[in-house]
Amino acid sequence: MIPTVTITDRISRTLRWKLNARIHNRMYRYIASRADDDVLFMNWAYEENPAMAIPLEPSDEAHRYPIQLYHATATQNGDLTGKRILEVGCGQAGGASYLTRTFKPESYVALDLNAAGIEFCRRRHQVPGLEFIQGHAEDLPFPAESFDAVINVESSHFYPHFDRFLSEVARVLRPGGAFLYTDIRNWFQCDQWEAALNASGMQKVSGREINKEVLRGMELNKPQWDAVWDRMVPGFLRPVGNAPTTGTPLSRDLESGKQSYRMYCLTKA
């Protein structure tokens, strides 16, 4: 059972979470700067029961379980065909490439704060309709009502001001547009997380915890992720870096409920 904590304890835990997020943000930027061309995903993984079994190109098969997290998130409000899409926090852009090639949106803009990562994406992903822009999640460089959907996968826990990000999402969405979103929080942050989403001005269509699906995907994706982690993470970073695979503190926290991984769909009126 998750214990009850005082307000002081909750503040202390939140501050520790933010410090840990800063450390991991810098660590992942360091890893991204060293990434080989086959390192296209740094998000966690996802598998349903029964298995999703989505058809993949042979070149995508090695990344099946991170791709399925993107697929499940992005299709919550129907497919993306013919729509104008913005992804905030695209990372290595494996998900952006897959979604663009699979659903053929009118346009797909992938934004990330990491300038070096954006250069990697521009060189690595030559996909018609896919554009990469360096920018800040809390100050999106786009006019109001520019997009039919905004996608955000496992990135917002790094943002200093989550409410500002939500405000920007609502601003750039067209009326009827969808915010397609998945991320993780510590259990003591979940009430605040839900409150921010409810206060965003967007309507919550669906929201659910996906710990079981993520744990299943992590187990199936373990050989792939372990190979990347061993190759890309220097020894001095491994004690502070939690790999998103089974047998790590991250997976144990998901199993115990100390962390909650959730998937949401919100729409703009």
C-alpha atoms as a PDB file:
ATOM      1  CA  MET A   1       0.000   0.000   0.000  1.00  0.00           C
ATOM      2  CA  ILE A   2       1.269   3.499  -0.867  1.00  0.00           C
ATOM      3  CA  PRO A   3       1.764   5.459   2.381  1.00  0.00           C
ATOM      4  CA  THR A   4       0.102   8.771   3.283  1.00  0.00           C
ATOM      5  CA  VAL A   5       2.529  11.701   3.506  1.00  0.00           C
ATOM      6  CA  THR A   6       2.390  15.205   4.918  1.00  0.00           C
ATOM      7  CA  ILE A   7       2.496  18.363   2.773  1.00  0.00           C
ATOM      8  CA  THR A   8       6.145  18.853   3.813  1.00  0.00           C
ATOM      9  CA  ASP A   9       7.004  15.321   2.750  1.00  0.00           C
ATOM     10  CA  ARG A  10       5.191  15.838  -0.541  1.00  0.00           C
ATOM     11  CA  ILE A  11       7.152  19.031  -1.274  1.00  0.00           C
ATOM     12  CA  SER A  12      10.440  17.336  -0.380  1.00  0.00           C
ATOM     13  CA  ARG A  13       9.664  14.366  -2.621  1.00  0.00           C
ATOM     14  CA  THR A  14       8.688  16.701  -5.481  1.00  0.00           C
ATOM     15  CA  LEU A  15      11.955  18.615  -5.184  1.00  0.00           C
ATOM     16  CA  ARG A  16      13.910  15.346  -5.266  1.00  0.00           C
ATOM     17  CA  TRP A  17      11.917  14.278  -8.336  1.00  0.00           C
ATOM     18  CA  LYS A  18      12.780  17.544 -10.112  1.00  0.00           C
ATOM     19  CA  LEU A  19      16.479  17.157  -9.273  1.00  0.00           C
ATOM     20  CA  ASN A  20      16.411  13.581 -10.535  1.00  0.00           C
ATOM     21  CA  ALA A  21      14.664  14.736 -13.736  1.00  0.00           C
ATOM     22  CA  ARG A  22      17.388  17.325 -14.339  1.00  0.00           C
ATOM     23  CA  ILE A  23      20.103  14.704 -13.896  1.00  0.00           C
ATOM     24  CA  HIS A  24      18.394  12.300 -16.267  1.00  0.00           C
ATOM     25  CA  ASN A  25      17.645  15.033 -18.803  1.00  0.00           C
ATOM     26  CA  ARG A  26      21.337  15.882 -19.006  1.00  0.00           C
ATOM     27  CA  MET A  27      22.255  12.218 -19.091  1.00  0.00           C
ATOM     28  CA  TYR A  28      19.928  11.508 -22.025  1.00  0.00           C
ATOM     29  CA  ARG A  29      21.249  14.546 -23.887  1.00  0.00           C
ATOM     30  CA  TYR A  30      24.750  13.168 -23.388  1.00  0.00           C
ATOM     31  CA  ILE A  31      23.684   9.750 -24.672  1.00  0.00           C
ATOM     32  CA  ALA A  32      21.888  11.328 -27.645  1.00  0.00           C
ATOM     33  CA  SER A  33      25.081  13.171 -28.592  1.00  0.00           C
ATOM     34  CA  ARG A  34      26.855   9.799 -28.799  1.00  0.00           C
ATOM     35  CA  ALA A  35      24.020   7.901 -30.476  1.00  0.00           C
ATOM     36  CA  ASP A  36      24.635   5.735 -33.501  1.00  0.00           C
ATOM     37  CA  ASP A  37      22.188   5.837 -36.396  1.00  0.00           C
ATOM     38  CA  ASP A  38      20.332   2.776 -35.077  1.00  0.00           C
ATOM     39  CA  VAL A  39      19.428   4.453 -31.757  1.00  0.00           C
ATOM     40  CA  LEU A  40      16.037   5.851 -32.728  1.00  0.00           C
ATOM     41  CA  PHE A  41      14.054   5.438 -29.497  1.00  0.00           C
ATOM     42  CA  MET A  42      14.796   6.307 -25.885  1.00  0.00           C
ATOM     43  CA  ASN A  43      11.210   5.985 -24.650  1.00  0.00           C
ATOM     44  CA  TRP A  44       9.890   3.006 -22.757  1.00  0.00           C
ATOM     45  CA  ALA A  45       7.947   0.179 -24.373  1.00  0.00           C
ATOM     46  CA  TYR A  46       4.359  -1.079 -24.659  1.00  0.00           C
ATOM     47  CA  GLU A  47       2.533  -4.322 -25.351  1.00  0.00           C
ATOM     48  CA  GLU A  48      -1.080  -5.294 -24.841  1.00  0.00           C
ATOM     49  CA  ASN A  49      -2.622  -8.678 -24.031  1.00  0.00           C
ATOM     50  CA  PRO A  50      -3.418 -10.103 -26.516  1.00  0.00           C
ATOM     51  CA  ALA A  51      -0.513  -8.674 -28.474  1.00  0.00           C
ATOM     52  CA  MET A  52      -1.110  -5.632 -30.685  1.00  0.00           C
ATOM     53  CA  ALA A  53       0.591  -7.345 -33.645  1.00  0.00           C
ATOM     54  CA  ILE A  54       0.633  -4.181 -35.738  1.00  0.00           C
ATOM     55  CA  PRO A  55       2.263  -4.777 -39.153  1.00  0.00           C
ATOM     56  CA  LEU A  56       5.755  -3.277 -39.358  1.00  0.00           C
ATOM     57  CA  GLU A  57       8.356  -2.818 -42.027  1.00  0.00           C
ATOM     58  CA  PRO A  58      11.395  -5.099 -41.530  1.00  0.00           C
ATOM     59  CA  SER A  59      13.515  -2.064 -40.640  1.00  0.00           C
ATOM     60  CA  ASP A  60      11.075  -1.171 -37.835  1.00  0.00           C
ATOM     61  CA  GLU A  61      10.732  -4.625 -36.311  1.00  0.00           C
ATOM     62  CA  ALA A  62      13.719  -4.244 -33.956  1.00  0.00           C
ATOM     63  CA  HIS A  63      11.925  -1.254 -32.427  1.00  0.00           C
ATOM     64  CA  ARG A  64       8.494  -2.882 -32.158  1.00  0.00           C
ATOM     65  CA  TYR A  65       7.750  -2.207 -28.496  1.00  0.00           C
ATOM     66  CA  PRO A  66       8.734   1.493 -28.371  1.00  0.00           C
ATOM     67  CA  ILE A  67       6.859   1.941 -31.669  1.00  0.00           C
ATOM     68  CA  GLN A  68       3.752   0.393 -30.120  1.00  0.00           C
ATOM     69  CA  LEU A  69       3.820   3.016 -27.378  1.00  0.00           C
ATOM     70  CA  TYR A  70       3.770   5.698 -30.067  1.00  0.00           C
ATOM     71  CA  HIS A  71       1.111   3.880 -32.087  1.00  0.00           C
ATOM     72  CA  ALA A  72      -1.230   3.414 -29.121  1.00  0.00           C
ATOM     73  CA  THR A  73      -0.812   7.032 -28.034  1.00  0.00           C
ATOM     74  CA  ALA A  74      -1.215   8.596 -31.478  1.00  0.00           C
ATOM     75  CA  THR A  75      -4.302   6.606 -32.520  1.00  0.00           C
ATOM     76  CA  GLN A  76      -6.454   7.351 -29.453  1.00  0.00           C
ATOM     77  CA  ASN A  77      -8.606   9.774 -31.457  1.00  0.00           C
ATOM     78  CA  GLY A  78      -8.543   7.985 -34.814  1.00  0.00           C
ATOM     79  CA  ASP A  79      -5.755   7.896 -37.378  1.00  0.00           C
ATOM     80  CA  LEU A  80      -3.621  10.832 -38.456  1.00  0.00           C
ATOM     81  CA  THR A  81      -4.105  10.613 -42.216  1.00  0.00           C
ATOM     82  CA  GLY A  82      -4.331  14.007 -43.872  1.00  0.00           C
ATOM     83  CA  LYS A  83      -3.887  15.945 -40.623  1.00  0.00           C
ATOM     84  CA  ARG A  84      -1.377  18.550 -39.492  1.00  0.00           C
ATOM     85  CA  ILE A  85       0.602  17.049 -36.601  1.00  0.00           C
ATOM     86  CA  LEU A  86       2.997  18.519 -34.045  1.00  0.00           C
ATOM     87  CA  GLU A  87       5.124  16.332 -31.804  1.00  0.00           C
ATOM     88  CA  VAL A  88       6.711  18.082 -28.827  1.00  0.00           C
ATOM     89  CA  GLY A  89       9.796  16.371 -27.428  1.00  0.00           C
ATOM     90  CA  CYS A  90      10.605  14.148 -30.401  1.00  0.00           C
ATOM     91  CA  GLY A  91      13.952  12.836 -29.107  1.00  0.00           C
ATOM     92  CA  GLN A  92      15.671  10.667 -31.702  1.00  0.00           C
ATOM     93  CA  ALA A  93      12.481  10.845 -33.836  1.00  0.00           C
ATOM     94  CA  GLY A  94      11.984   7.150 -34.403  1.00  0.00           C
ATOM     95  CA  GLY A  95       8.339   7.655 -33.457  1.00  0.00           C
ATOM     96  CA  ALA A  96       7.935  10.685 -35.724  1.00  0.00           C
ATOM     97  CA  SER A  97       9.388   8.753 -38.644  1.00  0.00           C
ATOM     98  CA  TYR A  98       7.144   5.734 -38.024  1.00  0.00           C
ATOM     99  CA  LEU A  99       3.955   7.782 -37.660  1.00  0.00           C
ATOM    100  CA  THR A 100       4.683   9.878 -40.756  1.00  0.00           C
ATOM    101  CA  ARG A 101       5.460   6.864 -42.926  1.00  0.00           C
ATOM    102  CA  THR A 102       2.517   4.834 -41.622  1.00  0.00           C
ATOM    103  CA  PHE A 103      -0.355   7.343 -41.464  1.00  0.00           C
ATOM    104  CA  LYS A 104       0.631   9.867 -44.163  1.00  0.00           C
ATOM    105  CA  PRO A 105      -0.421  13.073 -42.374  1.00  0.00           C
ATOM    106  CA  GLU A 106      -0.582  16.300 -44.355  1.00  0.00           C
ATOM    107  CA  SER A 107       2.442  17.454 -42.350  1.00  0.00           C
ATOM    108  CA  TYR A 108       4.345  16.332 -39.274  1.00  0.00           C
ATOM    109  CA  VAL A 109       6.464  18.840 -37.349  1.00  0.00           C
ATOM    110  CA  ALA A 110       8.766  17.313 -34.713  1.00  0.00           C
ATOM    111  CA  LEU A 111      10.144  19.724 -32.111  1.00  0.00           C
ATOM    112  CA  ASP A 112      12.809  19.212 -29.463  1.00  0.00           C
ATOM    113  CA  LEU A 113      14.852  21.482 -27.185  1.00  0.00           C
ATOM    114  CA  ASN A 114      18.100  19.611 -27.887  1.00  0.00           C
ATOM    115  CA  ALA A 115      19.736  21.321 -30.891  1.00  0.00           C
ATOM    116  CA  ALA A 116      22.247  18.489 -31.379  1.00  0.00           C
ATOM    117  CA  GLY A 117      19.400  15.999 -31.366  1.00  0.00           C
ATOM    118  CA  ILE A 118      17.531  17.968 -34.015  1.00  0.00           C
ATOM    119  CA  GLU A 119      20.612  17.903 -36.231  1.00  0.00           C
ATOM    120  CA  PHE A 120      20.762  14.121 -35.778  1.00  0.00           C
ATOM    121  CA  CYS A 121      17.078  13.842 -36.734  1.00  0.00           C
ATOM    122  CA  ARG A 122      17.472  15.983 -39.859  1.00  0.00           C
ATOM    123  CA  ARG A 123      20.368  13.840 -41.028  1.00  0.00           C
ATOM    124  CA  ARG A 124      18.905  10.467 -40.065  1.00  0.00           C
ATOM    125  CA  HIS A 125      15.232  10.787 -41.074  1.00  0.00           C
ATOM    126  CA  GLN A 126      14.673  11.759 -44.678  1.00  0.00           C
ATOM    127  CA  VAL A 127      10.898  11.293 -44.772  1.00  0.00           C
ATOM    128  CA  PRO A 128       8.575  13.352 -47.028  1.00  0.00           C
ATOM    129  CA  GLY A 129       6.292  15.550 -44.960  1.00  0.00           C
ATOM    130  CA  LEU A 130       8.445  15.319 -41.806  1.00  0.00           C
ATOM    131  CA  GLU A 131      10.091  18.538 -40.561  1.00  0.00           C
ATOM    132  CA  PHE A 132      12.319  19.091 -37.522  1.00  0.00           C
ATOM    133  CA  ILE A 133      12.452  22.300 -35.475  1.00  0.00           C
ATOM    134  CA  GLN A 134      14.467  23.192 -32.394  1.00  0.00           C
ATOM    135  CA  GLY A 135      12.287  24.899 -29.805  1.00  0.00           C
ATOM    136  CA  HIS A 136      10.900  25.054 -26.273  1.00  0.00           C
ATOM    137  CA  ALA A 137       7.807  23.126 -25.151  1.00  0.00           C
ATOM    138  CA  GLU A 138       6.645  26.020 -22.988  1.00  0.00           C
ATOM    139  CA  ASP A 139       6.944  28.598 -25.789  1.00  0.00           C
ATOM    140  CA  LEU A 140       5.968  26.841 -29.002  1.00  0.00           C
ATOM    141  CA  PRO A 141       7.111  28.797 -32.098  1.00  0.00           C
ATOM    142  CA  PHE A 142       3.845  28.429 -34.025  1.00  0.00           C
ATOM    143  CA  PRO A 143       0.752  30.571 -34.625  1.00  0.00           C
ATOM    144  CA  ALA A 144      -2.491  29.806 -32.834  1.00  0.00           C
ATOM    145  CA  GLU A 145      -4.683  27.019 -34.253  1.00  0.00           C
ATOM    146  CA  SER A 146      -1.907  25.566 -36.433  1.00  0.00           C
ATOM    147  CA  PHE A 147      -2.355  21.826 -35.793  1.00  0.00           C
ATOM    148  CA  ASP A 148      -4.998  19.115 -35.763  1.00  0.00           C
ATOM    149  CA  ALA A 149      -3.132  17.066 -33.161  1.00  0.00           C
ATOM    150  CA  VAL A 150      -0.277  17.501 -30.700  1.00  0.00           C
ATOM    151  CA  ILE A 151       1.623  14.380 -29.630  1.00  0.00           C
ATOM    152  CA  ASN A 152       3.784  14.190 -26.514  1.00  0.00           C
ATOM    153  CA  VAL A 153       5.423  10.923 -25.501  1.00  0.00           C
ATOM    154  CA  GLU A 154       7.297  10.540 -22.228  1.00  0.00           C
ATOM    155  CA  SER A 155       8.750  14.042 -22.249  1.00  0.00           C
ATOM    156  CA  SER A 156       6.643  16.372 -20.105  1.00  0.00           C
ATOM    157  CA  HIS A 157       8.069  15.220 -16.758  1.00  0.00           C
ATOM    158  CA  PHE A 158      11.183  17.196 -17.718  1.00  0.00           C
ATOM    159  CA  TYR A 159       9.274  20.463 -18.208  1.00  0.00           C
ATOM    160  CA  PRO A 160       9.727  23.046 -15.418  1.00  0.00           C
ATOM    161  CA  HIS A 161       6.209  24.471 -15.864  1.00  0.00           C
ATOM    162  CA  PHE A 162       3.784  21.795 -17.024  1.00  0.00           C
ATOM    163  CA  ASP A 163       0.828  24.192 -16.935  1.00  0.00           C
ATOM    164  CA  ARG A 164       2.557  26.516 -19.427  1.00  0.00           C
ATOM    165  CA  PHE A 165       3.097  23.586 -21.770  1.00  0.00           C
ATOM    166  CA  LEU A 166      -0.588  22.664 -21.593  1.00  0.00           C
ATOM    167  CA  SER A 167      -1.534  26.272 -22.301  1.00  0.00           C
ATOM    168  CA  GLU A 168       0.694  26.243 -25.381  1.00  0.00           C
ATOM    169  CA  VAL A 169      -0.812  22.956 -26.564  1.00  0.00           C
ATOM    170  CA  ALA A 170      -4.316  24.413 -26.289  1.00  0.00           C
ATOM    171  CA  ARG A 171      -3.203  27.564 -28.123  1.00  0.00           C
ATOM    172  CA  VAL A 172      -1.712  25.812 -31.174  1.00  0.00           C
ATOM    173  CA  LEU A 173      -4.518  23.250 -31.536  1.00  0.00           C
ATOM    174  CA  ARG A 174      -7.346  23.955 -33.928  1.00  0.00           C
ATOM    175  CA  PRO A 175     -10.917  23.651 -32.577  1.00  0.00           C
ATOM    176  CA  GLY A 176     -11.670  19.939 -32.391  1.00  0.00           C
ATOM    177  CA  GLY A 177      -7.960  19.109 -32.304  1.00  0.00           C
ATOM    178  CA  ALA A 178      -6.561  16.411 -30.033  1.00  0.00           C
ATOM    179  CA  PHE A 179      -3.768  16.285 -27.472  1.00  0.00           C
ATOM    180  CA  LEU A 180      -2.411  12.719 -27.597  1.00  0.00           C
ATOM    181  CA  TYR A 181      -0.256  12.193 -24.567  1.00  0.00           C
ATOM    182  CA  THR A 182       1.563   9.627 -22.438  1.00  0.00           C
ATOM    183  CA  ASP A 183       4.003  10.036 -19.548  1.00  0.00           C
ATOM    184  CA  ILE A 184       4.961   8.947 -16.051  1.00  0.00           C
ATOM    185  CA  ARG A 185       4.815  10.507 -12.577  1.00  0.00           C
ATOM    186  CA  ASN A 186       5.573   9.469  -9.018  1.00  0.00           C
ATOM    187  CA  TRP A 187       2.449   8.409  -7.131  1.00  0.00           C
ATOM    188  CA  PHE A 188       2.524  11.522  -4.907  1.00  0.00           C
ATOM    189  CA  GLN A 189       2.408  13.783  -7.985  1.00  0.00           C
ATOM    190  CA  CYS A 190      -0.627  12.190  -9.624  1.00  0.00           C
ATOM    191  CA  ASP A 191      -3.298  14.389  -7.993  1.00  0.00           C
ATOM    192  CA  GLN A 192      -1.451  17.518  -9.135  1.00  0.00           C
ATOM    193  CA  TRP A 193      -0.954  15.988 -12.586  1.00  0.00           C
ATOM    194  CA  GLU A 194      -4.665  15.294 -12.983  1.00  0.00           C
ATOM    195  CA  ALA A 195      -5.561  18.742 -11.671  1.00  0.00           C
ATOM    196  CA  ALA A 196      -3.328  20.415 -14.282  1.00  0.00           C
ATOM    197  CA  LEU A 197      -4.915  18.412 -17.092  1.00  0.00           C
ATOM    198  CA  ASN A 198      -8.410  19.230 -15.820  1.00  0.00           C
ATOM    199  CA  ALA A 199      -7.526  22.941 -15.663  1.00  0.00           C
ATOM    200  CA  SER A 200      -6.007  23.013 -19.164  1.00  0.00           C
ATOM    201  CA  GLY A 201      -9.198  24.156 -20.884  1.00  0.00           C
ATOM    202  CA  MET A 202      -9.213  20.970 -22.956  1.00  0.00           C
ATOM    203  CA  GLN A 203     -11.763  18.193 -22.491  1.00  0.00           C
ATOM    204  CA  LYS A 204     -10.501  14.829 -21.277  1.00  0.00           C
ATOM    205  CA  VAL A 205     -11.820  12.153 -23.637  1.00  0.00           C
ATOM    206  CA  SER A 206      -9.910   9.280 -22.048  1.00  0.00           C
ATOM    207  CA  GLY A 207      -7.208   8.582 -19.501  1.00  0.00           C
ATOM    208  CA  ARG A 208      -5.877   5.334 -18.083  1.00  0.00           C
ATOM    209  CA  GLU A 209      -2.928   3.840 -16.277  1.00  0.00           C
ATOM    210  CA  ILE A 210      -0.830   1.583 -18.514  1.00  0.00           C
ATOM    211  CA  ASN A 211       1.712   0.198 -16.024  1.00  0.00           C
ATOM    212  CA  LYS A 212       0.940  -3.408 -16.986  1.00  0.00           C
ATOM    213  CA  GLU A 213       1.282  -2.747 -20.710  1.00  0.00           C
ATOM    214  CA  VAL A 214       4.538  -0.840 -20.211  1.00  0.00           C
ATOM    215  CA  LEU A 215       6.005  -3.567 -17.982  1.00  0.00           C
ATOM    216  CA  ARG A 216       5.070  -6.204 -20.561  1.00  0.00           C
ATOM    217  CA  GLY A 217       6.722  -4.148 -23.288  1.00  0.00           C
ATOM    218  CA  MET A 218       9.821  -3.541 -21.168  1.00  0.00           C
ATOM    219  CA  GLU A 219      10.270  -7.272 -20.653  1.00  0.00           C
ATOM    220  CA  LEU A 220       9.928  -8.028 -24.364  1.00  0.00           C
ATOM    221  CA  ASN A 221      12.167  -5.104 -25.329  1.00  0.00           C
ATOM    222  CA  LYS A 222      14.899  -5.955 -22.795  1.00  0.00           C
ATOM    223  CA  PRO A 223      17.444  -7.474 -25.240  1.00  0.00           C
ATOM    224  CA  GLN A 224      17.206  -4.460 -27.547  1.00  0.00           C
ATOM    225  CA  TRP A 225      17.440  -1.861 -24.779  1.00  0.00           C
ATOM    226  CA  ASP A 226      20.231  -3.654 -22.884  1.00  0.00           C
ATOM    227  CA  ALA A 227      22.353  -3.671 -26.038  1.00  0.00           C
ATOM    228  CA  VAL A 228      21.874   0.084 -26.484  1.00  0.00           C
ATOM    229  CA  TRP A 229      22.459   0.848 -22.784  1.00  0.00           C
ATOM    230  CA  ASP A 230      25.682  -1.185 -22.633  1.00  0.00           C
ATOM    231  CA  ARG A 231      27.002   0.418 -25.794  1.00  0.00           C
ATOM    232  CA  MET A 232      26.002   4.026 -25.220  1.00  0.00           C
ATOM    233  CA  VAL A 233      26.104   4.696 -21.468  1.00  0.00           C
ATOM    234  CA  PRO A 234      29.570   5.194 -19.948  1.00  0.00           C
ATOM    235  CA  GLY A 235      30.307   3.399 -16.724  1.00  0.00           C
ATOM    236  CA  PHE A 236      30.317   6.530 -14.559  1.00  0.00           C
ATOM    237  CA  LEU A 237      26.689   7.304 -15.528  1.00  0.00           C
ATOM    238  CA  ARG A 238      25.232   3.856 -14.950  1.00  0.00           C
ATOM    239  CA  PRO A 239      24.823   4.230 -11.158  1.00  0.00           C
ATOM    240  CA  VAL A 240      22.553   7.300 -11.671  1.00  0.00           C
ATOM    241  CA  GLY A 241      20.858   6.118 -14.837  1.00  0.00           C
ATOM    242  CA  ASN A 242      17.818   3.874 -14.604  1.00  0.00           C
ATOM    243  CA  ALA A 243      17.377   1.904 -17.808  1.00  0.00           C
ATOM    244  CA  PRO A 244      13.710   1.391 -18.829  1.00  0.00           C
ATOM    245  CA  THR A 245      13.902  -2.377 -18.673  1.00  0.00           C
ATOM    246  CA  THR A 246      12.996  -5.152 -16.274  1.00  0.00           C
ATOM    247  CA  GLY A 247      15.036  -5.765 -13.140  1.00  0.00           C
ATOM    248  CA  THR A 248      15.722  -2.046 -12.578  1.00  0.00           C
ATOM    249  CA  PRO A 249      14.380   0.427 -10.000  1.00  0.00           C
ATOM    250  CA  LEU A 250      12.073   1.835 -12.687  1.00  0.00           C
ATOM    251  CA  SER A 251      10.366  -1.478 -13.325  1.00  0.00           C
ATOM    252  CA  ARG A 252      10.075  -2.225  -9.604  1.00  0.00           C
ATOM    253  CA  ASP A 253       8.456   1.172  -9.026  1.00  0.00           C
ATOM    254  CA  LEU A 254       5.906   0.449 -11.777  1.00  0.00           C
ATOM    255  CA  GLU A 255       5.150  -2.954 -10.306  1.00  0.00           C
ATOM    256  CA  SER A 256       4.648  -1.545  -6.802  1.00  0.00           C
ATOM    257  CA  GLY A 257       2.629   1.469  -7.933  1.00  0.00           C
ATOM    258  CA  LYS A 258       5.208   4.005  -6.726  1.00  0.00           C
ATOM    259  CA  GLN A 259       5.152   5.367 -10.266  1.00  0.00           C
ATOM    260  CA  SER A 260       2.159   5.644 -12.554  1.00  0.00           C
ATOM    261  CA  TYR A 261       2.476   5.560 -16.341  1.00  0.00           C
ATOM    262  CA  ARG A 262      -0.638   7.007 -17.978  1.00  0.00           C
ATOM    263  CA  MET A 263      -2.064   7.632 -21.437  1.00  0.00           C
ATOM    264  CA  TYR A 264      -4.486  10.463 -22.215  1.00  0.00           C
ATOM    265  CA  CYS A 265      -6.518  11.957 -25.021  1.00  0.00           C
ATOM    266  CA  LEU A 266      -7.809  15.526 -24.602  1.00  0.00           C
ATOM    267  CA  THR A 267      -9.613  17.639 -27.181  1.00  0.00           C
ATOM    268  CA  LYS A 268     -10.030  21.377 -27.724  1.00  0.00           C
ATOM    269  CA  ALA A 269     -13.576  22.669 -28.004  1.00  0.00           C
END
